[in-house]
Amino acid sequence: MNRRPGPSARLKLTLSYVGFLVVAGALLLGVVWLYLLRYVPDNSQGLLGVSPNRYLLVHTFAPAAAVAMAFLLVFGLVGGWILAGRMLAPLTRITEAARTAGKGSLSHRIRMEGRQDEFRELSDTFDSMLDQLESHVAEQQRFAANASHELRTPLAITRTLLDVARKDPTRNPGEVVERLHAVNTRAIDLTEALLLLGRADRGNLPREDVDLSLVAEEAAETLLPLAERRGTTLEVTGGAARTSGSAELLLRMATNLVQNAVVHNLPAGGTVTVHTGTQGGTSVLRVENTGRPLPPDLLPTLTEPFRRGTERVRTDEHEGAGLGLAIVHSIVRAHGGTLDLAARPAGGLLVTVRLPGTS
């Protein structure tokens, strides 16, 4: 924004200091005049006597007062300029850091030393903001790189299939069409997941009363055929757990959790349990599945985009793109809740979602 040039904060503070000093000096001289000189006898003729008179005191006091006022003015300007510079030095460092960040360098930190005051509080807040911005930008860059890689894969497969079909006219067209359909479906699912993830990250959600128990039942009913095909037992237990938020996104959250639990329930078989309830004014959704033991260092990475907990063969429409728990994490965060992942001692994963409850 273009602004007209104006006096600096340092100059304003200096003028404030000198103005206060001059006014204080003038008031002091006025007090001396009112409470001292008015009690001295007046002698407008200027005749010398034994005692001092007002005429002599005025003529000797006035020049000294003028010199004192001039000294206060100069002293106030010089001293005020120095003091203002020292007081505004932290603000200068913060401004330089802001300019550096504005040029794209988010790694610079102020790290102002000294005791806590307003400037140091501002400095610490600015450093904290830069930490969050740097982390967010790094996450977005990593996400963009991973998304580009994931989207490039189905496109490359599509081009290969078309090249094969063009070079081999005798190839069965039905097989090519079927494989193209599967690849195209995967690309569409991935694109929709990316859009949903971005929508959840923005946090602009419609609010309505939602019962997590009904959401869990709907998600389980949708994925029951998948669980039966894999020989997995799917159970829904618990009671009502009401919260406020987007019913669509909360259903996607529950669906992703149940689907993730069924798909990663390896080897085939096992159990997936979905439980809902309330705890201390908080609505809780737990999804627990059996399966292989998970390394502890793997848990913090499961909510990152395009990270998969186990290797599996991509053979069906429910294979996913590694965005399931990332989407869940974004939806939970957008609703002001928390997401906890814990490895079961016997193998498998326990996912706990806590959302603000409603009465």
Protein backbone atom coordinates (compact mmCIF):
# COMPACT_ATOMS: atom_id res chain seq x y z
CA MET A 1 0.00 0.00 0.00
CA ASN A 2 1.37 3.41 -1.02
CA ARG A 3 1.25 5.95 1.79
CA ARG A 4 2.34 9.55 2.00
CA PRO A 5 5.62 9.96 3.92
CA GLY A 6 5.21 11.14 7.51
CA PRO A 7 7.27 11.65 10.63
CA SER A 8 8.86 8.53 12.04
CA ALA A 9 7.87 7.01 15.37
CA ARG A 10 11.30 7.96 16.71
CA LEU A 11 10.76 11.63 15.83
CA LYS A 12 7.27 11.57 17.35
CA LEU A 13 8.60 10.08 20.58
CA THR A 14 11.44 12.62 20.65
CA LEU A 15 9.04 15.53 20.23
CA SER A 16 6.83 14.02 22.92
CA TYR A 17 9.78 13.76 25.32
CA VAL A 18 11.01 17.30 24.68
CA GLY A 19 7.48 18.69 24.82
CA PHE A 20 6.89 17.08 28.19
CA LEU A 21 10.27 18.31 29.46
CA VAL A 22 9.69 21.90 28.31
CA VAL A 23 6.18 22.00 29.75
CA ALA A 24 7.47 20.62 33.05
CA GLY A 25 10.22 23.28 33.10
CA ALA A 26 7.76 26.06 32.33
CA LEU A 27 5.45 24.88 35.09
CA LEU A 28 8.36 24.81 37.52
CA LEU A 29 9.34 28.36 36.63
CA GLY A 30 5.72 29.42 36.93
CA VAL A 31 5.56 27.93 40.40
CA VAL A 32 8.71 29.84 41.37
CA TRP A 33 7.18 33.06 40.06
CA LEU A 34 3.84 32.57 41.78
CA TYR A 35 5.08 31.43 45.14
CA LEU A 36 8.33 33.39 45.45
CA LEU A 37 8.47 36.55 43.42
CA ARG A 38 4.99 37.78 44.27
CA TYR A 39 5.98 38.04 47.95
CA VAL A 40 9.00 40.23 47.17
CA PRO A 41 8.31 44.03 47.42
CA ASP A 42 7.89 45.74 44.08
CA ASN A 43 10.21 48.59 43.05
CA SER A 44 9.50 49.62 39.51
CA GLN A 45 12.02 52.49 39.81
CA GLY A 46 14.86 50.03 40.17
CA LEU A 47 16.28 51.79 43.27
CA LEU A 48 18.79 49.82 45.28
CA GLY A 49 17.96 49.12 48.87
CA VAL A 50 19.06 46.90 51.65
CA SER A 51 16.65 44.09 50.71
CA PRO A 52 16.18 42.59 47.20
CA ASN A 53 13.12 43.76 45.37
CA ARG A 54 10.97 42.31 42.62
CA TYR A 55 12.48 44.49 39.93
CA LEU A 56 16.01 43.20 40.51
CA LEU A 57 14.89 39.59 40.87
CA VAL A 58 12.85 39.70 37.65
CA HIS A 59 15.69 41.18 35.66
CA THR A 60 18.15 38.61 36.99
CA PHE A 61 15.77 35.65 37.04
CA ALA A 62 14.29 36.08 33.53
CA PRO A 63 17.58 35.61 31.57
CA ALA A 64 18.51 32.63 33.72
CA ALA A 65 15.07 31.14 33.15
CA ALA A 66 15.42 31.63 29.38
CA VAL A 67 18.81 29.90 29.41
CA ALA A 68 17.35 27.05 31.47
CA MET A 69 14.44 26.65 29.03
CA ALA A 70 16.85 26.62 26.07
CA PHE A 71 18.96 23.98 27.81
CA LEU A 72 15.90 21.87 28.53
CA LEU A 73 14.88 22.13 24.87
CA VAL A 74 18.29 21.02 23.54
CA PHE A 75 18.71 18.38 26.25
CA GLY A 76 15.21 17.06 25.56
CA LEU A 77 15.84 16.81 21.80
CA VAL A 78 19.18 15.02 22.12
CA GLY A 79 18.21 12.82 25.05
CA GLY A 80 14.78 12.06 23.63
CA TRP A 81 16.27 11.08 20.26
CA ILE A 82 18.70 8.68 21.95
CA LEU A 83 16.09 7.22 24.30
CA ALA A 84 13.56 6.79 21.50
CA GLY A 85 16.19 4.99 19.41
CA ARG A 86 16.96 2.59 22.24
CA MET A 87 13.30 1.97 22.95
CA LEU A 88 12.46 1.32 19.27
CA ALA A 89 15.49 -0.87 18.52
CA PRO A 90 13.50 -4.10 19.11
CA LEU A 91 10.79 -2.85 16.78
CA THR A 92 13.42 -2.29 14.09
CA ARG A 93 14.55 -5.91 14.40
CA ILE A 94 10.96 -7.11 14.12
CA THR A 95 10.43 -4.96 11.02
CA GLU A 96 13.58 -6.37 9.38
CA ALA A 97 12.43 -9.90 10.15
CA ALA A 98 9.01 -9.14 8.64
CA ARG A 99 10.66 -7.81 5.46
CA THR A 100 12.80 -10.93 5.25
CA ALA A 101 9.74 -13.14 5.65
CA GLY A 102 7.90 -11.08 3.04
CA LYS A 103 10.63 -11.94 0.53
CA GLY A 104 9.98 -15.64 1.04
CA SER A 105 12.61 -16.52 3.65
CA LEU A 106 10.72 -18.05 6.58
CA SER A 107 13.74 -19.56 8.34
CA HIS A 108 14.84 -16.27 9.97
CA ARG A 109 14.00 -15.85 13.67
CA ILE A 110 14.31 -12.78 15.90
CA ARG A 111 15.00 -14.61 19.18
CA MET A 112 15.08 -11.39 21.18
CA GLU A 113 16.86 -11.65 24.52
CA GLY A 114 16.07 -9.93 27.79
CA ARG A 115 13.18 -9.85 30.19
CA GLN A 116 9.58 -10.06 29.10
CA ASP A 117 7.97 -6.83 27.92
CA GLU A 118 5.64 -5.73 25.12
CA PHE A 119 8.32 -5.81 22.42
CA ARG A 120 9.64 -9.22 23.46
CA GLU A 121 6.11 -10.58 23.61
CA LEU A 122 5.57 -9.31 20.06
CA SER A 123 8.89 -10.84 19.01
CA ASP A 124 8.02 -14.23 20.50
CA THR A 125 4.60 -14.14 18.86
CA PHE A 126 6.19 -13.28 15.50
CA ASP A 127 8.71 -16.13 15.83
CA SER A 128 5.87 -18.53 16.67
CA MET A 129 3.94 -17.33 13.62
CA LEU A 130 7.00 -17.91 11.41
CA ASP A 131 7.37 -21.43 12.83
CA GLN A 132 3.78 -22.22 11.91
CA LEU A 133 4.07 -20.63 8.47
CA GLU A 134 7.29 -22.48 7.68
CA SER A 135 5.77 -25.77 8.80
CA HIS A 136 2.59 -25.11 6.81
CA VAL A 137 4.48 -24.14 3.65
CA ALA A 138 6.74 -27.21 3.94
CA GLU A 139 3.67 -29.41 4.41
CA GLN A 140 1.95 -27.86 1.39
CA GLN A 141 5.04 -28.29 -0.77
CA ARG A 142 5.39 -31.91 0.28
CA PHE A 143 1.68 -32.45 -0.32
CA ALA A 144 1.87 -30.88 -3.79
CA ALA A 145 4.85 -33.04 -4.71
CA ASN A 146 3.14 -36.21 -3.49
CA ALA A 147 -0.14 -35.28 -5.19
CA SER A 148 1.66 -34.67 -8.47
CA HIS A 149 3.35 -38.04 -8.19
CA GLU A 150 0.11 -39.86 -7.37
CA LEU A 151 -1.80 -38.17 -10.19
CA ARG A 152 0.98 -38.82 -12.68
CA THR A 153 0.77 -42.58 -12.09
CA PRO A 154 -2.76 -43.19 -13.48
CA LEU A 155 -2.09 -40.79 -16.35
CA ALA A 156 1.08 -42.68 -17.27
CA ILE A 157 -0.78 -46.00 -17.09
CA THR A 158 -3.53 -44.60 -19.31
CA ARG A 159 -1.01 -43.46 -21.92
CA THR A 160 0.70 -46.86 -21.86
CA LEU A 161 -2.59 -48.70 -22.36
CA LEU A 162 -3.52 -46.43 -25.27
CA ASP A 163 -0.11 -46.90 -26.87
CA VAL A 164 -0.42 -50.68 -26.55
CA ALA A 165 -3.93 -50.63 -28.04
CA ARG A 166 -2.74 -48.47 -30.94
CA LYS A 167 0.26 -50.66 -31.72
CA ASP A 168 -1.60 -53.98 -31.31
CA PRO A 169 -4.89 -53.87 -33.23
CA THR A 170 -5.52 -57.53 -32.44
CA ARG A 171 -5.64 -56.90 -28.70
CA ASN A 172 -9.00 -57.44 -27.06
CA PRO A 173 -10.57 -53.93 -26.81
CA GLY A 174 -12.82 -54.99 -23.95
CA GLU A 175 -9.80 -55.72 -21.74
CA VAL A 176 -8.23 -52.35 -22.57
CA VAL A 177 -11.48 -50.50 -21.87
CA GLU A 178 -11.89 -52.32 -18.56
CA ARG A 179 -8.37 -51.42 -17.42
CA LEU A 180 -8.80 -47.83 -18.60
CA HIS A 181 -12.02 -47.62 -16.63
CA ALA A 182 -10.30 -48.86 -13.47
CA VAL A 183 -7.42 -46.40 -13.87
CA ASN A 184 -9.77 -43.52 -14.62
CA THR A 185 -11.88 -44.37 -11.56
CA ARG A 186 -8.78 -44.29 -9.39
CA ALA A 187 -7.77 -40.88 -10.79
CA ILE A 188 -11.25 -39.48 -10.13
CA ASP A 189 -11.28 -40.85 -6.57
CA LEU A 190 -7.87 -39.33 -5.91
CA THR A 191 -8.96 -35.94 -7.28
CA GLU A 192 -12.12 -35.96 -5.16
CA ALA A 193 -10.06 -36.87 -2.09
CA LEU A 194 -7.70 -33.95 -2.76
CA LEU A 195 -10.62 -31.56 -3.11
CA LEU A 196 -12.18 -32.85 0.10
CA LEU A 197 -8.89 -32.50 1.94
CA GLY A 198 -8.56 -28.89 0.81
CA ARG A 199 -12.14 -28.15 1.80
CA ALA A 200 -11.59 -29.56 5.28
CA ASP A 201 -8.35 -27.59 5.71
CA ARG A 202 -10.15 -24.31 4.93
CA GLY A 203 -12.44 -24.89 7.91
CA ASN A 204 -15.50 -23.15 6.37
CA LEU A 205 -18.01 -25.74 7.50
CA PRO A 206 -21.81 -25.67 7.76
CA ARG A 207 -22.90 -26.45 11.32
CA GLU A 208 -25.71 -28.78 12.26
CA ASP A 209 -26.46 -31.26 15.02
CA VAL A 210 -24.93 -34.67 14.19
CA ASP A 211 -25.14 -37.96 16.08
CA LEU A 212 -21.89 -39.89 15.63
CA SER A 213 -23.66 -43.18 16.39
CA LEU A 214 -25.88 -42.75 13.31
CA VAL A 215 -22.87 -41.71 11.26
CA ALA A 216 -20.96 -44.80 12.38
CA GLU A 217 -23.89 -47.11 11.53
CA GLU A 218 -24.22 -45.59 8.05
CA ALA A 219 -20.49 -45.94 7.39
CA ALA A 220 -20.51 -49.55 8.60
CA GLU A 221 -23.54 -50.39 6.47
CA THR A 222 -21.84 -48.94 3.39
CA LEU A 223 -18.65 -50.93 3.92
CA LEU A 224 -20.28 -54.16 5.11
CA PRO A 225 -20.00 -55.81 1.64
CA LEU A 226 -16.26 -55.02 1.58
CA ALA A 227 -15.83 -56.50 5.07
CA GLU A 228 -17.75 -59.65 4.12
CA ARG A 229 -15.72 -60.08 0.96
CA ARG A 230 -12.53 -59.94 3.03
CA GLY A 231 -13.90 -62.18 5.75
CA THR A 232 -13.78 -59.41 8.37
CA THR A 233 -16.29 -59.13 11.20
CA LEU A 234 -17.65 -55.56 11.46
CA GLU A 235 -19.33 -54.53 14.73
CA VAL A 236 -20.93 -51.22 15.81
CA THR A 237 -21.47 -50.66 19.54
CA GLY A 238 -22.13 -47.81 21.97
CA GLY A 239 -24.74 -45.09 22.24
CA ALA A 240 -25.54 -41.59 21.06
CA ALA A 241 -22.71 -39.08 20.73
CA ARG A 242 -23.93 -35.71 19.55
CA THR A 243 -21.71 -33.01 18.13
CA SER A 244 -21.98 -29.96 15.87
CA GLY A 245 -20.51 -29.85 12.39
CA SER A 246 -20.84 -30.93 8.78
CA ALA A 247 -22.77 -34.18 8.48
CA GLU A 248 -21.19 -34.86 5.08
CA LEU A 249 -17.63 -34.46 6.29
CA LEU A 250 -18.23 -36.40 9.52
CA LEU A 251 -19.68 -39.26 7.48
CA ARG A 252 -16.59 -39.20 5.27
CA MET A 253 -14.43 -39.22 8.41
CA ALA A 254 -16.19 -42.32 9.79
CA THR A 255 -16.20 -44.02 6.39
CA ASN A 256 -12.48 -43.47 5.94
CA LEU A 257 -11.74 -44.84 9.40
CA VAL A 258 -13.84 -47.97 8.89
CA GLN A 259 -12.50 -48.52 5.37
CA ASN A 260 -8.94 -48.08 6.59
CA ALA A 261 -9.57 -50.59 9.39
CA VAL A 262 -11.06 -53.18 7.02
CA VAL A 263 -8.48 -52.82 4.26
CA HIS A 264 -5.48 -52.93 6.62
CA ASN A 265 -6.87 -55.86 8.62
CA LEU A 266 -4.24 -58.27 7.32
CA PRO A 267 -4.05 -61.18 6.97
CA ALA A 268 -7.61 -61.77 5.81
CA GLY A 269 -10.22 -62.10 8.52
CA GLY A 270 -10.15 -60.41 11.88
CA THR A 271 -12.47 -57.94 13.52
CA VAL A 272 -13.28 -54.25 13.20
CA THR A 273 -15.13 -52.63 16.10
CA VAL A 274 -16.73 -49.18 15.92
CA HIS A 275 -17.80 -47.67 19.25
CA THR A 276 -19.46 -44.32 20.00
CA GLY A 277 -20.20 -42.60 23.29
CA THR A 278 -19.67 -39.53 25.44
CA GLN A 279 -16.97 -38.78 27.97
CA GLY A 280 -16.93 -35.62 30.09
CA GLY A 281 -18.92 -33.52 27.64
CA THR A 282 -16.93 -34.85 24.68
CA SER A 283 -18.33 -37.05 21.92
CA VAL A 284 -16.04 -40.00 21.20
CA LEU A 285 -15.75 -42.28 18.16
CA ARG A 286 -13.38 -45.28 18.40
CA VAL A 287 -12.46 -47.56 15.51
CA GLU A 288 -10.38 -50.62 16.44
CA ASN A 289 -9.11 -53.36 14.15
CA THR A 290 -7.01 -56.45 14.46
CA GLY A 291 -4.05 -57.07 12.19
CA ARG A 292 -0.30 -57.01 12.09
CA PRO A 293 1.73 -55.22 14.79
CA LEU A 294 2.64 -51.63 13.90
CA PRO A 295 6.06 -50.11 14.68
CA PRO A 296 5.73 -47.21 17.18
CA ASP A 297 7.68 -44.84 14.92
CA LEU A 298 5.13 -45.40 12.13
CA LEU A 299 2.14 -43.95 14.05
CA PRO A 300 3.06 -40.21 13.78
CA THR A 301 3.35 -40.52 9.98
CA LEU A 302 0.01 -42.20 9.32
CA THR A 303 -1.89 -38.89 9.15
CA GLU A 304 0.48 -37.47 6.54
CA PRO A 305 -0.85 -37.43 2.97
CA PHE A 306 0.02 -40.43 0.78
CA ARG A 307 1.40 -42.48 3.66
CA ARG A 308 0.20 -46.07 3.96
CA GLY A 309 0.53 -48.15 7.08
CA THR A 310 1.12 -51.48 5.34
CA GLU A 311 1.97 -52.67 1.88
CA ARG A 312 -0.91 -54.28 0.03
CA VAL A 313 -1.75 -55.32 -3.48
CA ARG A 314 -3.91 -52.83 -5.33
CA THR A 315 -6.63 -55.07 -6.58
CA ASP A 316 -9.97 -53.40 -5.86
CA GLU A 317 -11.81 -50.13 -5.82
CA HIS A 318 -11.18 -49.65 -2.10
CA GLU A 319 -7.39 -49.56 -2.31
CA GLY A 320 -7.23 -45.83 -1.51
CA ALA A 321 -4.48 -43.32 -2.28
CA GLY A 322 -2.93 -42.87 1.13
CA LEU A 323 -5.21 -39.94 1.93
CA GLY A 324 -7.68 -41.67 4.26
CA LEU A 325 -6.22 -40.73 7.64
CA ALA A 326 -4.96 -37.39 6.29
CA ILE A 327 -8.54 -36.48 5.42
CA VAL A 328 -9.74 -37.73 8.81
CA HIS A 329 -7.13 -35.60 10.56
CA SER A 330 -8.15 -32.49 8.61
CA ILE A 331 -11.87 -33.05 9.26
CA VAL A 332 -11.31 -33.61 12.99
CA ARG A 333 -9.11 -30.52 13.21
CA ALA A 334 -11.69 -28.41 11.33
CA HIS A 335 -14.32 -29.47 13.91
CA GLY A 336 -12.13 -28.51 16.85
CA GLY A 337 -11.47 -32.11 17.89
CA THR A 338 -8.49 -34.38 18.46
CA LEU A 339 -7.31 -37.56 16.73
CA ASP A 340 -5.30 -40.19 18.62
CA LEU A 341 -3.65 -43.25 17.08
CA ALA A 342 -2.46 -46.15 19.23
CA ALA A 343 -0.97 -49.49 18.22
CA ARG A 344 -2.69 -52.49 19.80
CA PRO A 345 -0.29 -54.82 21.65
CA ALA A 346 -1.74 -57.83 19.85
CA GLY A 347 -1.57 -56.09 16.47
CA GLY A 348 -3.76 -53.64 14.63
CA LEU A 349 -4.69 -50.04 15.31
CA LEU A 350 -6.96 -48.12 17.69
CA VAL A 351 -8.15 -44.74 16.41
CA THR A 352 -9.93 -42.39 18.82
CA VAL A 353 -11.73 -39.23 17.66
CA ARG A 354 -12.87 -36.72 20.27
CA LEU A 355 -15.19 -33.90 19.21
CA PRO A 356 -16.90 -31.17 21.24
CA GLY A 357 -20.22 -32.49 22.46
CA THR A 358 -23.61 -30.79 22.44
CA SER A 359 -26.34 -31.03 25.04
